[in-house]
Amino acid sequence: MSEPHVTLDPSGLDPVQQKLRGPLEEQLTSALQAATERVRSSYAGEPVEQVCQRLLDETRSGLHPDIAAGFNPDMDEFCRVAVAIVRGEVS
């Protein structure tokens, strides 16, 4: 599995949000990658659902509180990362 990456949907973004899209994607991606590493390194056989929730919690904890509050990722994508962790496909 390649490194997880966050891509924001540009539809519905106003011009200011559009300008901030790149830096925000970088911050979200960095938080997700750090969370993936923390969850992967401490994985101890938990079920996928629990790993997915922990991945979300860890990602949000790595963000500014205002950004974390508004971060509503595609949970199917987060669960794909969790499945990769459970299967040992994330190194």
C-alpha atoms as a PDB file:
ATOM      1  CA  MET A   1       0.000   0.000   0.000  1.00  0.00           C
ATOM      2  CA  SER A   2       1.295   3.463  -0.836  1.00  0.00           C
ATOM      3  CA  GLU A   3       1.429   6.224   1.751  1.00  0.00           C
ATOM      4  CA  PRO A   4      -2.064   7.444   2.678  1.00  0.00           C
ATOM      5  CA  HIS A   5      -2.924  10.851   1.260  1.00  0.00           C
ATOM      6  CA  VAL A   6      -5.813  13.258   1.846  1.00  0.00           C
ATOM      7  CA  THR A   7      -7.367  14.972  -1.159  1.00  0.00           C
ATOM      8  CA  LEU A   8     -10.116  17.521  -0.576  1.00  0.00           C
ATOM      9  CA  ASP A   9     -13.109  17.688  -2.889  1.00  0.00           C
ATOM     10  CA  PRO A  10     -12.870  21.079  -4.612  1.00  0.00           C
ATOM     11  CA  SER A  11     -16.583  21.293  -5.366  1.00  0.00           C
ATOM     12  CA  GLY A  12     -18.363  23.714  -3.101  1.00  0.00           C
ATOM     13  CA  LEU A  13     -15.196  25.489  -1.946  1.00  0.00           C
ATOM     14  CA  ASP A  14     -15.256  29.260  -1.974  1.00  0.00           C
ATOM     15  CA  PRO A  15     -12.229  31.168  -3.370  1.00  0.00           C
ATOM     16  CA  VAL A  16     -10.545  31.523   0.036  1.00  0.00           C
ATOM     17  CA  GLN A  17     -10.978  27.826   0.779  1.00  0.00           C
ATOM     18  CA  GLN A  18      -9.668  27.016  -2.677  1.00  0.00           C
ATOM     19  CA  LYS A  19      -6.468  29.013  -1.966  1.00  0.00           C
ATOM     20  CA  LEU A  20      -5.982  27.127   1.301  1.00  0.00           C
ATOM     21  CA  ARG A  21      -6.717  23.722  -0.214  1.00  0.00           C
ATOM     22  CA  GLY A  22      -3.084  22.753  -0.914  1.00  0.00           C
ATOM     23  CA  PRO A  23      -1.660  23.621   2.509  1.00  0.00           C
ATOM     24  CA  LEU A  24      -4.660  22.045   4.229  1.00  0.00           C
ATOM     25  CA  GLU A  25      -4.281  18.832   2.212  1.00  0.00           C
ATOM     26  CA  GLU A  26      -0.600  18.749   3.206  1.00  0.00           C
ATOM     27  CA  GLN A  27      -1.451  19.191   6.902  1.00  0.00           C
ATOM     28  CA  LEU A  28      -4.188  16.546   6.793  1.00  0.00           C
ATOM     29  CA  THR A  29      -1.962  14.124   4.902  1.00  0.00           C
ATOM     30  CA  SER A  30       0.881  14.622   7.366  1.00  0.00           C
ATOM     31  CA  ALA A  31      -1.455  13.987  10.320  1.00  0.00           C
ATOM     32  CA  LEU A  32      -2.879  10.872   8.630  1.00  0.00           C
ATOM     33  CA  GLN A  33       0.557   9.473   7.829  1.00  0.00           C
ATOM     34  CA  ALA A  34       1.789  10.052  11.395  1.00  0.00           C
ATOM     35  CA  ALA A  35      -1.388   8.454  12.769  1.00  0.00           C
ATOM     36  CA  THR A  36      -0.976   5.493  10.423  1.00  0.00           C
ATOM     37  CA  GLU A  37       2.556   4.931  11.708  1.00  0.00           C
ATOM     38  CA  ARG A  38       1.495   5.180  15.371  1.00  0.00           C
ATOM     39  CA  VAL A  39      -1.452   2.819  14.901  1.00  0.00           C
ATOM     40  CA  ARG A  40       0.589   0.379  12.819  1.00  0.00           C
ATOM     41  CA  SER A  41       3.455   0.263  15.318  1.00  0.00           C
ATOM     42  CA  SER A  42       1.137  -0.483  18.242  1.00  0.00           C
ATOM     43  CA  TYR A  43      -1.312  -2.777  16.423  1.00  0.00           C
ATOM     44  CA  ALA A  44      -2.081  -5.784  18.609  1.00  0.00           C
ATOM     45  CA  GLY A  45      -4.743  -7.745  16.750  1.00  0.00           C
ATOM     46  CA  GLU A  46      -7.705  -5.388  17.210  1.00  0.00           C
ATOM     47  CA  PRO A  47     -10.617  -5.660  14.749  1.00  0.00           C
ATOM     48  CA  VAL A  48     -10.669  -3.442  11.664  1.00  0.00           C
ATOM     49  CA  GLU A  49     -13.479  -1.260  13.044  1.00  0.00           C
ATOM     50  CA  GLN A  50     -11.464  -0.434  16.141  1.00  0.00           C
ATOM     51  CA  VAL A  51      -8.327   0.254  14.086  1.00  0.00           C
ATOM     52  CA  CYS A  52     -10.343   2.549  11.790  1.00  0.00           C
ATOM     53  CA  GLN A  53     -11.704   4.548  14.731  1.00  0.00           C
ATOM     54  CA  ARG A  54      -8.283   4.761  16.332  1.00  0.00           C
ATOM     55  CA  LEU A  55      -6.805   5.960  13.046  1.00  0.00           C
ATOM     56  CA  LEU A  56      -9.420   8.721  12.890  1.00  0.00           C
ATOM     57  CA  ASP A  57      -8.853   9.692  16.538  1.00  0.00           C
ATOM     58  CA  GLU A  58      -5.069   9.740  16.109  1.00  0.00           C
ATOM     59  CA  THR A  59      -5.340  11.811  12.931  1.00  0.00           C
ATOM     60  CA  ARG A  60      -7.602  14.357  14.589  1.00  0.00           C
ATOM     61  CA  SER A  61      -5.277  14.566  17.604  1.00  0.00           C
ATOM     62  CA  GLY A  62      -2.491  15.651  15.259  1.00  0.00           C
ATOM     63  CA  LEU A  63      -4.485  18.593  13.922  1.00  0.00           C
ATOM     64  CA  HIS A  64      -5.297  22.066  15.231  1.00  0.00           C
ATOM     65  CA  PRO A  65      -8.591  21.768  17.171  1.00  0.00           C
ATOM     66  CA  ASP A  66     -10.474  23.955  14.663  1.00  0.00           C
ATOM     67  CA  ILE A  67      -9.297  21.855  11.743  1.00  0.00           C
ATOM     68  CA  ALA A  68      -9.944  18.603  13.617  1.00  0.00           C
ATOM     69  CA  ALA A  69     -13.508  19.702  14.387  1.00  0.00           C
ATOM     70  CA  GLY A  70     -14.243  20.231  10.704  1.00  0.00           C
ATOM     71  CA  PHE A  71     -12.414  17.144   9.454  1.00  0.00           C
ATOM     72  CA  ASN A  72     -14.988  14.643   8.189  1.00  0.00           C
ATOM     73  CA  PRO A  73     -13.072  12.184   6.035  1.00  0.00           C
ATOM     74  CA  ASP A  74     -14.472   9.509   3.769  1.00  0.00           C
ATOM     75  CA  MET A  75     -14.643   6.701   6.319  1.00  0.00           C
ATOM     76  CA  ASP A  76     -14.506   4.060   3.575  1.00  0.00           C
ATOM     77  CA  GLU A  77     -11.051   5.383   2.701  1.00  0.00           C
ATOM     78  CA  PHE A  78      -9.980   5.461   6.351  1.00  0.00           C
ATOM     79  CA  CYS A  79     -11.168   1.882   6.752  1.00  0.00           C
ATOM     80  CA  ARG A  80      -9.116   0.861   3.684  1.00  0.00           C
ATOM     81  CA  VAL A  81      -6.041   2.137   5.512  1.00  0.00           C
ATOM     82  CA  ALA A  82      -7.161   0.258   8.646  1.00  0.00           C
ATOM     83  CA  VAL A  83      -7.553  -2.962   6.629  1.00  0.00           C
ATOM     84  CA  ALA A  84      -4.031  -2.478   5.256  1.00  0.00           C
ATOM     85  CA  ILE A  85      -2.724  -2.075   8.828  1.00  0.00           C
ATOM     86  CA  VAL A  86      -4.529  -5.228   9.960  1.00  0.00           C
ATOM     87  CA  ARG A  87      -3.172  -7.170   6.955  1.00  0.00           C
ATOM     88  CA  GLY A  88       0.353  -5.882   7.556  1.00  0.00           C
ATOM     89  CA  GLU A  89       0.442  -4.082   4.212  1.00  0.00           C
ATOM     90  CA  VAL A  90       1.548  -0.777   5.737  1.00  0.00           C
ATOM     91  CA  SER A  91       5.233  -0.583   6.551  1.00  0.00           C
END
